[in-house]
Amino acid sequence: MNLCFFKDTARMLLAVGVLASPLYAQTTPPPEWIDADTGHRVIQLSTEPGSESLYFNLNPFTPDGQKMVITSPDGISLIHLQTRVVEKIVSGRPSIIMVGRKTGQIYYVSSKIENGATIRSVCAIDPNTRAVREILKLARGQEVSTVNADETLLGGTMTERPVGDTPVRREAGSIPKNDIESAALKRGKKSKMMEDRLAKHYPMELFFFNIATGETKTVNRSTDWLGHLQFSPTDPNLLMFCHEGLWQKVDRIWTIRTDGSDLKLIHRRTMVMEIAGHEFWSADGKTIWYDLQTPRSESFWIAGYEVSGGARTWYHLERDEWSVHFNVSPDHTLFSGDGGDEQMVAHAKDGKWLYLFRPELLADKSDGNIDTKNLIKTGVFHSEKLVNMGKHDYALEPNAMFSPDMKWLIFRSNMSGANQAYAVELAKAAGK
């Protein structure tokens, strides 16, 4: 596979989630290699320096599982996973929302200048015909960050800010937040930013926009900081969202129906400095999974909440196995973690790895003498290291996710100097 490089490295966009990585000059890595420490094959999927796979809980895949969307320095591109061919789909500086689960259309926010004012619109493009449609012009304070399972609704937030108090808009490639986004945020500044924003108590509400009718419905008006909206991948009328802020200060994970009913707190803290977050759906929409620490920086779990009945499952993991983001395979049998460095919440001494986790529930030895139906099922993760991330700067979060065929773990990294999208094969290379 030939690599293509920009001569002008100043064009590289290195926006990542709520953090920004330094600008790097692209080195010349091999397009694929066997990780000497793990025996797993790694391939570089993208070709332009500054390219990134999507945030860990955003759907990047077309419904047939054959193509994957990534962001590039000047647009949105589509990777054909079998051939690794990369094609530009949208040019400019769009902010991607996700790939629609039903039609495969790519939803994004575009910006243009009209009469001296910036106009932002939610658009969708058909990756096959390249037909573009404008769906919604965004009002001041309005953000869209998710599309429901049958692609009938957009989900977002409306924030009422004082005149003159305008958030810095995120750049292409960064994760969608709802009202505070800046590619300039650095490690030491994030906590203060979150403290300051939480204390402002801007009036906010969730809204749902009906794509067919143009009707907007608002629900859950409050002065809490609302964010990280994710529609269920299977139930078009169920939304998960969070109360933003420092995790030890908020009960973070919530769900609500699109008619405003059944507002539900998914995890209530029970101890000082307990934290829960970076929540994500299982592929079948039956379980919400999240990072749980009891308390913060001391005891590490991946916790699951069964949406239909409320059953809970917690899997324990070691300090070095803690990851910025976790994910679950399409068939729910495997989990992944993208690791972390010493500066992060786990303060791991040897945490810079991509991990594959095989979950095991602990045996119930109560012999049926007690009622366990309302108790938490507990288990452990058995880990396997997939990629040595020693050369990776974790100011860029790898955001690992499973490929639809469960043969690869896809992630983004700056290990070669510039941001690129990669994949590691779950099966070890022959002879390793």
Protein backbone atom coordinates (compact mmCIF):
# COMPACT_ATOMS: atom_id res chain seq x y z
CA MET A 1 0.00 0.00 0.00
CA ASN A 2 1.46 3.36 -1.02
CA LEU A 3 1.57 6.14 1.54
CA CYS A 4 0.68 9.67 0.58
CA PHE A 5 2.10 12.63 2.46
CA PHE A 6 1.41 16.34 2.59
CA LYS A 7 4.40 18.58 1.99
CA ASP A 8 2.83 21.29 4.07
CA THR A 9 2.68 19.71 7.54
CA ALA A 10 1.06 22.83 8.95
CA ARG A 11 -2.21 21.58 7.47
CA MET A 12 -2.31 18.57 9.75
CA LEU A 13 -5.25 18.66 12.09
CA LEU A 14 -4.60 16.84 15.35
CA ALA A 15 -7.85 17.42 17.21
CA VAL A 16 -8.82 14.56 19.52
CA GLY A 17 -11.89 14.37 21.71
CA VAL A 18 -11.58 17.14 24.27
CA LEU A 19 -7.78 17.13 24.01
CA ALA A 20 -5.39 18.23 21.30
CA SER A 21 -2.13 16.53 20.43
CA PRO A 22 0.94 18.46 19.30
CA LEU A 23 1.68 18.82 15.59
CA TYR A 24 4.08 16.15 14.39
CA ALA A 25 5.95 15.56 11.16
CA GLN A 26 4.92 12.26 9.62
CA THR A 27 7.64 9.63 9.64
CA THR A 28 7.67 6.77 7.14
CA PRO A 29 6.35 3.68 8.92
CA PRO A 30 5.65 0.43 7.09
CA PRO A 31 2.03 0.08 5.92
CA GLU A 32 1.79 -3.07 8.00
CA TRP A 33 3.93 -4.92 10.51
CA ILE A 34 3.92 -7.59 13.21
CA ASP A 35 4.09 -6.12 16.71
CA ALA A 36 7.26 -7.61 18.15
CA ASP A 37 5.86 -7.62 21.69
CA THR A 38 2.45 -9.15 20.99
CA GLY A 39 2.70 -11.12 17.74
CA HIS A 40 -0.34 -9.34 16.26
CA ARG A 41 -0.42 -7.80 12.77
CA VAL A 42 -1.01 -4.04 12.59
CA ILE A 43 -1.98 -2.19 9.40
CA GLN A 44 -2.26 1.51 8.64
CA LEU A 45 -5.68 2.21 7.14
CA SER A 46 -5.47 5.91 6.37
CA THR A 47 -2.99 7.60 4.04
CA GLU A 48 -3.19 11.29 4.88
CA PRO A 49 -1.32 12.52 7.97
CA GLY A 50 -3.86 13.99 10.35
CA SER A 51 -6.51 11.34 9.65
CA GLU A 52 -8.47 9.79 12.51
CA SER A 53 -10.97 7.04 13.13
CA LEU A 54 -14.08 8.19 14.99
CA TYR A 55 -14.71 8.56 18.71
CA PHE A 56 -15.16 5.18 20.38
CA ASN A 57 -18.97 5.25 20.69
CA LEU A 58 -19.84 6.78 17.29
CA ASN A 59 -20.89 4.42 14.52
CA PRO A 60 -18.42 4.71 11.60
CA PHE A 61 -19.55 1.64 9.63
CA THR A 62 -21.96 1.30 6.72
CA PRO A 63 -24.79 -1.19 7.41
CA ASP A 64 -23.13 -3.90 5.28
CA GLY A 65 -19.96 -3.63 7.38
CA GLN A 66 -17.80 -3.14 4.28
CA LYS A 67 -16.85 0.53 4.65
CA MET A 68 -15.75 2.82 7.46
CA VAL A 69 -15.77 6.60 7.75
CA ILE A 70 -12.76 8.52 9.02
CA THR A 71 -11.96 12.21 9.29
CA SER A 72 -9.09 13.72 7.34
CA PRO A 73 -7.44 17.15 7.57
CA ASP A 74 -9.79 18.63 5.00
CA GLY A 75 -12.89 16.48 5.01
CA ILE A 76 -14.48 13.08 5.52
CA SER A 77 -13.17 9.94 3.83
CA LEU A 78 -14.44 6.41 3.40
CA ILE A 79 -12.20 3.35 3.74
CA HIS A 80 -13.14 0.15 1.94
CA LEU A 81 -12.15 -2.36 4.59
CA GLN A 82 -11.43 -5.26 2.22
CA THR A 83 -9.28 -3.36 -0.27
CA ARG A 84 -8.11 -0.51 2.03
CA VAL A 85 -8.92 1.97 -0.73
CA VAL A 86 -9.57 5.44 0.70
CA GLU A 87 -11.93 7.85 -1.05
CA LYS A 88 -12.79 11.43 -0.13
CA ILE A 89 -16.51 11.88 0.46
CA VAL A 90 -16.84 15.42 1.86
CA SER A 91 -14.32 18.24 1.44
CA GLY A 92 -13.85 21.22 3.72
CA ARG A 93 -14.00 21.27 7.50
CA PRO A 94 -17.18 19.34 8.39
CA SER A 95 -17.83 17.97 11.87
CA ILE A 96 -18.99 14.39 11.60
CA ILE A 97 -21.89 13.12 13.69
CA MET A 98 -22.07 9.43 12.69
CA VAL A 99 -23.01 6.97 9.95
CA GLY A 100 -26.69 6.13 9.85
CA ARG A 101 -27.37 2.58 10.98
CA LYS A 102 -30.24 2.01 8.52
CA THR A 103 -29.24 3.77 5.27
CA GLY A 104 -25.51 4.27 5.70
CA GLN A 105 -25.79 7.96 5.01
CA ILE A 106 -23.11 10.07 6.67
CA TYR A 107 -24.43 12.79 8.98
CA TYR A 108 -22.28 15.83 9.66
CA VAL A 109 -22.35 19.54 10.48
CA SER A 110 -21.16 21.96 7.82
CA SER A 111 -20.41 25.66 8.21
CA LYS A 112 -20.54 28.51 5.72
CA ILE A 113 -20.49 32.30 5.83
CA GLU A 114 -23.63 34.16 4.77
CA ASN A 115 -23.81 37.96 5.05
CA GLY A 116 -20.89 37.94 7.45
CA ALA A 117 -22.48 35.35 9.77
CA THR A 118 -21.51 31.72 10.24
CA ILE A 119 -24.36 29.39 9.34
CA ARG A 120 -24.12 25.82 10.64
CA SER A 121 -26.30 23.08 9.18
CA VAL A 122 -26.80 19.37 9.75
CA CYS A 123 -26.40 17.58 6.44
CA ALA A 124 -26.39 14.00 5.20
CA ILE A 125 -24.56 12.55 2.22
CA ASP A 126 -25.22 9.27 0.46
CA PRO A 127 -21.76 7.70 0.10
CA ASN A 128 -22.81 5.88 -3.09
CA THR A 129 -24.51 8.65 -5.07
CA ARG A 130 -22.77 11.58 -3.28
CA ALA A 131 -26.18 13.28 -3.06
CA VAL A 132 -26.21 15.81 -0.19
CA ARG A 133 -29.26 17.08 1.65
CA GLU A 134 -29.47 19.81 4.23
CA ILE A 135 -31.62 18.68 7.15
CA LEU A 136 -31.51 21.42 9.78
CA LYS A 137 -30.01 24.89 10.13
CA LEU A 138 -28.72 25.15 13.68
CA ALA A 139 -29.72 28.05 15.88
CA ARG A 140 -27.34 29.69 18.33
CA GLY A 141 -26.66 27.30 21.21
CA GLN A 142 -28.09 24.33 19.32
CA GLU A 143 -25.96 21.21 18.79
CA VAL A 144 -26.78 17.85 17.20
CA SER A 145 -24.71 14.84 18.21
CA THR A 146 -26.67 11.68 17.41
CA VAL A 147 -29.11 10.07 14.95
CA ASN A 148 -31.59 7.43 16.02
CA ALA A 149 -31.67 3.81 14.89
CA ASP A 150 -34.17 4.23 12.04
CA GLU A 151 -32.81 7.66 11.05
CA THR A 152 -36.06 9.48 11.70
CA LEU A 153 -34.77 11.74 14.51
CA LEU A 154 -31.77 13.90 15.26
CA GLY A 155 -30.88 14.27 18.94
CA GLY A 156 -29.16 17.25 20.47
CA THR A 157 -29.05 19.97 23.09
CA MET A 158 -30.04 23.63 23.27
CA THR A 159 -27.98 25.83 25.57
CA GLU A 160 -28.95 29.36 26.57
CA ARG A 161 -25.77 31.39 26.92
CA PRO A 162 -25.43 35.11 27.63
CA VAL A 163 -24.82 37.21 24.53
CA GLY A 164 -21.11 37.33 23.84
CA ASP A 165 -20.43 34.02 25.57
CA THR A 166 -19.89 31.74 22.59
CA PRO A 167 -18.14 28.37 22.76
CA VAL A 168 -15.18 27.64 20.53
CA ARG A 169 -16.37 25.26 17.81
CA ARG A 170 -14.67 21.94 17.49
CA GLU A 171 -12.60 21.13 14.44
CA ALA A 172 -13.15 18.17 12.13
CA GLY A 173 -11.99 14.96 13.72
CA SER A 174 -12.79 15.88 17.31
CA ILE A 175 -15.53 14.16 19.24
CA PRO A 176 -18.96 15.79 19.35
CA LYS A 177 -19.64 17.64 22.55
CA ASN A 178 -22.67 19.80 22.94
CA ASP A 179 -21.60 23.24 24.05
CA ILE A 180 -17.92 23.44 25.03
CA GLU A 181 -15.42 22.27 22.48
CA SER A 182 -11.95 23.45 21.68
CA ALA A 183 -9.03 21.91 19.92
CA ALA A 184 -6.82 24.01 22.20
CA LEU A 185 -7.60 22.16 25.43
CA LYS A 186 -4.53 20.59 27.02
CA ARG A 187 -4.17 17.97 29.74
CA GLY A 188 -3.73 20.36 32.65
CA LYS A 189 -6.60 22.62 31.58
CA LYS A 190 -9.40 20.11 31.17
CA SER A 191 -10.31 19.80 34.86
CA LYS A 192 -10.51 23.56 35.32
CA MET A 193 -12.60 23.91 32.18
CA MET A 194 -15.05 21.30 33.46
CA GLU A 195 -15.22 22.91 36.90
CA ASP A 196 -15.89 26.33 35.39
CA ARG A 197 -18.52 25.09 32.95
CA LEU A 198 -20.39 23.05 35.57
CA ALA A 199 -20.55 26.07 37.87
CA LYS A 200 -22.21 28.28 35.24
CA HIS A 201 -25.51 26.35 35.28
CA TYR A 202 -26.63 27.53 31.87
CA PRO A 203 -30.26 26.61 31.13
CA MET A 204 -30.24 23.59 28.82
CA GLU A 205 -32.65 21.12 27.32
CA LEU A 206 -32.60 18.08 25.10
CA PHE A 207 -34.33 18.27 21.75
CA PHE A 208 -35.41 15.82 19.06
CA PHE A 209 -35.82 16.93 15.46
CA ASN A 210 -38.13 14.90 13.23
CA ILE A 211 -36.33 14.67 9.89
CA ALA A 212 -39.48 13.98 7.87
CA THR A 213 -41.78 16.63 9.37
CA GLY A 214 -39.36 19.27 10.63
CA GLU A 215 -40.98 19.20 14.06
CA THR A 216 -38.77 19.86 17.09
CA LYS A 217 -39.64 18.48 20.53
CA THR A 218 -37.81 19.68 23.65
CA VAL A 219 -37.57 17.72 26.91
CA ASN A 220 -35.70 17.66 30.23
CA ARG A 221 -35.14 21.37 30.70
CA SER A 222 -32.63 21.98 33.50
CA THR A 223 -29.48 23.85 34.48
CA ASP A 224 -27.40 20.66 34.49
CA TRP A 225 -24.64 20.38 31.90
CA LEU A 226 -25.96 17.81 29.43
CA GLY A 227 -23.81 15.97 26.90
CA HIS A 228 -22.60 12.77 25.26
CA LEU A 229 -25.96 11.97 23.66
CA GLN A 230 -26.22 8.48 22.18
CA PHE A 231 -29.37 6.97 20.74
CA SER A 232 -29.88 3.26 21.31
CA PRO A 233 -28.59 1.32 18.27
CA THR A 234 -31.87 -0.62 18.14
CA ASP A 235 -34.62 1.37 19.90
CA PRO A 236 -35.32 4.57 17.93
CA ASN A 237 -37.08 6.19 20.89
CA LEU A 238 -34.48 5.67 23.61
CA LEU A 239 -31.68 8.14 24.26
CA MET A 240 -28.73 7.84 26.63
CA PHE A 241 -27.07 11.06 27.77
CA CYS A 242 -24.89 12.27 30.59
CA HIS A 243 -24.56 15.01 33.17
CA GLU A 244 -21.19 16.52 32.32
CA GLY A 245 -18.66 17.72 34.89
CA LEU A 246 -15.93 16.16 36.99
CA TRP A 247 -17.14 12.60 37.39
CA GLN A 248 -16.83 12.54 41.20
CA LYS A 249 -19.27 15.46 41.36
CA VAL A 250 -22.08 14.21 39.12
CA ASP A 251 -24.41 11.26 38.74
CA ARG A 252 -23.48 10.98 35.10
CA ILE A 253 -25.36 8.33 33.08
CA TRP A 254 -29.06 8.74 32.23
CA THR A 255 -31.66 7.54 29.73
CA ILE A 256 -34.90 9.13 28.56
CA ARG A 257 -37.62 8.33 26.02
CA THR A 258 -38.06 10.69 23.08
CA ASP A 259 -41.50 11.73 24.36
CA GLY A 260 -39.81 12.97 27.55
CA SER A 261 -40.96 10.07 29.71
CA ASP A 262 -39.05 7.54 31.80
CA LEU A 263 -36.09 9.70 32.79
CA LYS A 264 -33.77 7.22 34.51
CA LEU A 265 -30.45 7.41 36.34
CA ILE A 266 -28.41 4.38 35.28
CA HIS A 267 -25.73 4.44 37.99
CA ARG A 268 -26.04 6.20 41.35
CA ARG A 269 -22.81 6.76 43.27
CA THR A 270 -22.61 5.10 46.69
CA MET A 271 -19.26 6.37 48.01
CA VAL A 272 -17.16 9.50 48.10
CA MET A 273 -14.96 9.82 44.96
CA GLU A 274 -16.74 7.03 43.10
CA ILE A 275 -16.79 7.76 39.35
CA ALA A 276 -18.61 6.31 36.35
CA GLY A 277 -18.49 7.39 32.73
CA HIS A 278 -17.42 6.90 29.11
CA GLU A 279 -20.65 5.00 28.67
CA PHE A 280 -21.53 3.06 25.50
CA TRP A 281 -24.22 0.76 24.13
CA SER A 282 -23.91 -2.92 23.31
CA ALA A 283 -24.61 -3.59 19.63
CA ASP A 284 -28.04 -5.08 20.39
CA GLY A 285 -29.04 -2.11 22.54
CA LYS A 286 -29.75 -4.36 25.53
CA THR A 287 -26.89 -3.24 27.78
CA ILE A 288 -25.20 0.03 28.73
CA TRP A 289 -21.53 -0.43 29.62
CA TYR A 290 -19.31 2.09 31.38
CA ASP A 291 -16.02 2.70 33.20
CA LEU A 292 -16.58 2.43 36.98
CA GLN A 293 -14.04 3.17 39.71
CA THR A 294 -14.80 2.49 43.40
CA PRO A 295 -13.28 4.84 44.38
CA ARG A 296 -11.54 6.92 41.72
CA SER A 297 -8.04 5.73 40.80
CA GLU A 298 -8.19 2.72 43.16
CA SER A 299 -10.51 -0.10 42.08
CA PHE A 300 -11.39 -0.57 38.40
CA TRP A 301 -14.45 -2.15 36.80
CA ILE A 302 -16.34 -2.30 33.54
CA ALA A 303 -19.96 -2.17 34.62
CA GLY A 304 -23.01 -3.23 32.65
CA TYR A 305 -26.67 -2.27 33.12
CA GLU A 306 -29.38 -4.32 31.42
CA VAL A 307 -31.89 -1.84 30.03
CA SER A 308 -34.98 -4.06 30.16
CA GLY A 309 -34.73 -5.32 33.73
CA GLY A 310 -31.97 -3.42 35.46
CA ALA A 311 -29.67 -6.39 36.08
CA ARG A 312 -26.05 -5.39 36.70
CA THR A 313 -22.76 -7.04 35.83
CA TRP A 314 -19.34 -5.77 36.89
CA TYR A 315 -16.02 -7.08 35.53
CA HIS A 316 -12.88 -6.26 37.48
CA LEU A 317 -9.57 -5.33 35.85
CA GLU A 318 -6.08 -4.43 36.99
CA ARG A 319 -4.63 -0.91 37.20
CA ASP A 320 -2.40 -1.31 34.14
CA GLU A 321 -5.39 -2.65 32.16
CA TRP A 322 -7.50 0.45 32.76
CA SER A 323 -8.16 2.26 29.48
CA VAL A 324 -9.30 5.69 28.38
CA HIS A 325 -12.15 3.99 26.54
CA PHE A 326 -13.50 0.47 26.49
CA ASN A 327 -15.66 -1.23 23.89
CA VAL A 328 -17.57 -4.45 23.33
CA SER A 329 -17.60 -6.74 20.30
CA PRO A 330 -20.71 -7.04 18.09
CA ASP A 331 -21.48 -10.48 19.54
CA HIS A 332 -20.85 -9.28 23.15
CA THR A 333 -18.24 -11.96 23.87
CA LEU A 334 -15.12 -9.74 23.90
CA PHE A 335 -14.16 -6.33 25.22
CA SER A 336 -11.35 -3.99 24.25
CA GLY A 337 -9.36 -1.27 25.97
CA ASP A 338 -7.11 1.39 24.47
CA GLY A 339 -4.78 1.79 27.46
CA GLY A 340 -3.47 4.93 29.13
CA ASP A 341 -0.35 6.63 30.41
CA GLU A 342 0.89 7.56 33.89
CA GLN A 343 -0.71 10.99 33.80
CA MET A 344 -4.22 9.55 33.51
CA VAL A 345 -6.63 8.56 36.24
CA ALA A 346 -5.24 5.05 36.83
CA HIS A 347 -1.61 6.28 37.00
CA ALA A 348 -0.63 3.02 35.31
CA LYS A 349 3.07 2.18 35.28
CA ASP A 350 2.71 -0.08 32.24
CA GLY A 351 -0.59 0.88 30.66
CA LYS A 352 0.37 1.92 27.12
CA TRP A 353 -1.12 -1.05 25.28
CA LEU A 354 -4.18 -1.92 23.26
CA TYR A 355 -5.96 -4.74 25.08
CA LEU A 356 -8.33 -7.56 24.20
CA PHE A 357 -10.39 -8.72 27.20
CA ARG A 358 -12.14 -12.06 27.61
CA PRO A 359 -14.76 -11.76 30.36
CA GLU A 360 -15.40 -14.47 32.94
CA LEU A 361 -18.21 -14.38 35.48
CA LEU A 362 -17.33 -15.66 38.95
CA ALA A 363 -19.14 -18.78 40.06
CA ASP A 364 -22.15 -18.32 42.34
CA LYS A 365 -21.39 -20.46 45.41
CA SER A 366 -24.40 -19.41 47.45
CA ASP A 367 -25.94 -22.85 46.80
CA GLY A 368 -29.32 -21.24 46.27
CA ASN A 369 -29.63 -20.30 49.94
CA ILE A 370 -30.00 -16.57 49.26
CA ASP A 371 -31.92 -14.53 46.74
CA THR A 372 -29.33 -13.19 44.28
CA LYS A 373 -31.62 -11.77 41.59
CA ASN A 374 -31.12 -8.18 42.76
CA LEU A 375 -27.40 -8.53 43.42
CA ILE A 376 -24.60 -7.49 41.08
CA LYS A 377 -23.01 -10.31 39.11
CA THR A 378 -19.24 -9.97 39.24
CA GLY A 379 -16.46 -11.26 37.08
CA VAL A 380 -12.94 -10.62 35.85
CA PHE A 381 -11.27 -9.77 32.58
CA HIS A 382 -8.53 -11.97 31.16
CA SER A 383 -6.37 -9.64 29.10
CA GLU A 384 -4.27 -10.05 25.99
CA LYS A 385 -2.01 -7.29 24.71
CA LEU A 386 -2.54 -6.45 21.05
CA VAL A 387 -0.35 -3.41 20.32
CA ASN A 388 2.55 -1.81 22.15
CA MET A 389 1.58 1.87 22.34
CA GLY A 390 4.88 2.97 23.86
CA LYS A 391 5.48 5.49 21.06
CA HIS A 392 1.95 6.88 21.27
CA ASP A 393 1.20 10.24 22.92
CA TYR A 394 -2.03 9.72 24.88
CA ALA A 395 -3.01 13.36 24.42
CA LEU A 396 -4.57 11.64 21.40
CA GLU A 397 -7.05 9.07 22.68
CA PRO A 398 -6.87 5.86 20.59
CA ASN A 399 -10.65 5.22 20.74
CA ALA A 400 -10.48 1.53 19.84
CA MET A 401 -13.50 -0.26 18.34
CA PHE A 402 -14.17 -3.69 16.88
CA SER A 403 -14.64 -4.15 13.16
CA PRO A 404 -18.07 -5.54 12.17
CA ASP A 405 -16.54 -8.91 11.28
CA MET A 406 -14.73 -9.03 14.67
CA LYS A 407 -11.39 -9.74 13.02
CA TRP A 408 -9.82 -6.36 13.79
CA LEU A 409 -9.62 -3.69 16.44
CA ILE A 410 -9.59 -0.26 14.80
CA PHE A 411 -7.90 2.70 16.49
CA ARG A 412 -6.13 5.99 15.89
CA SER A 413 -2.57 6.77 16.87
CA ASN A 414 0.27 9.25 16.47
CA MET A 415 2.94 6.55 16.89
CA SER A 416 4.40 7.44 13.49
CA GLY A 417 4.47 11.18 14.20
CA ALA A 418 1.11 12.24 12.78
CA ASN A 419 -2.40 11.03 13.49
CA GLN A 420 -3.45 8.05 11.39
CA ALA A 421 -6.12 5.33 11.53
CA TYR A 422 -4.90 1.79 12.15
CA ALA A 423 -6.24 -1.71 12.72
CA VAL A 424 -4.76 -4.65 14.61
CA GLU A 425 -5.74 -8.23 13.81
CA LEU A 426 -7.26 -10.06 16.79
CA ALA A 427 -5.79 -13.39 15.73
CA LYS A 428 -2.05 -13.68 16.17
CA ALA A 429 0.11 -13.81 13.06
CA ALA A 430 1.06 -17.27 11.88
CA GLY A 431 3.94 -18.68 13.85
CA LYS A 432 3.60 -16.16 16.68
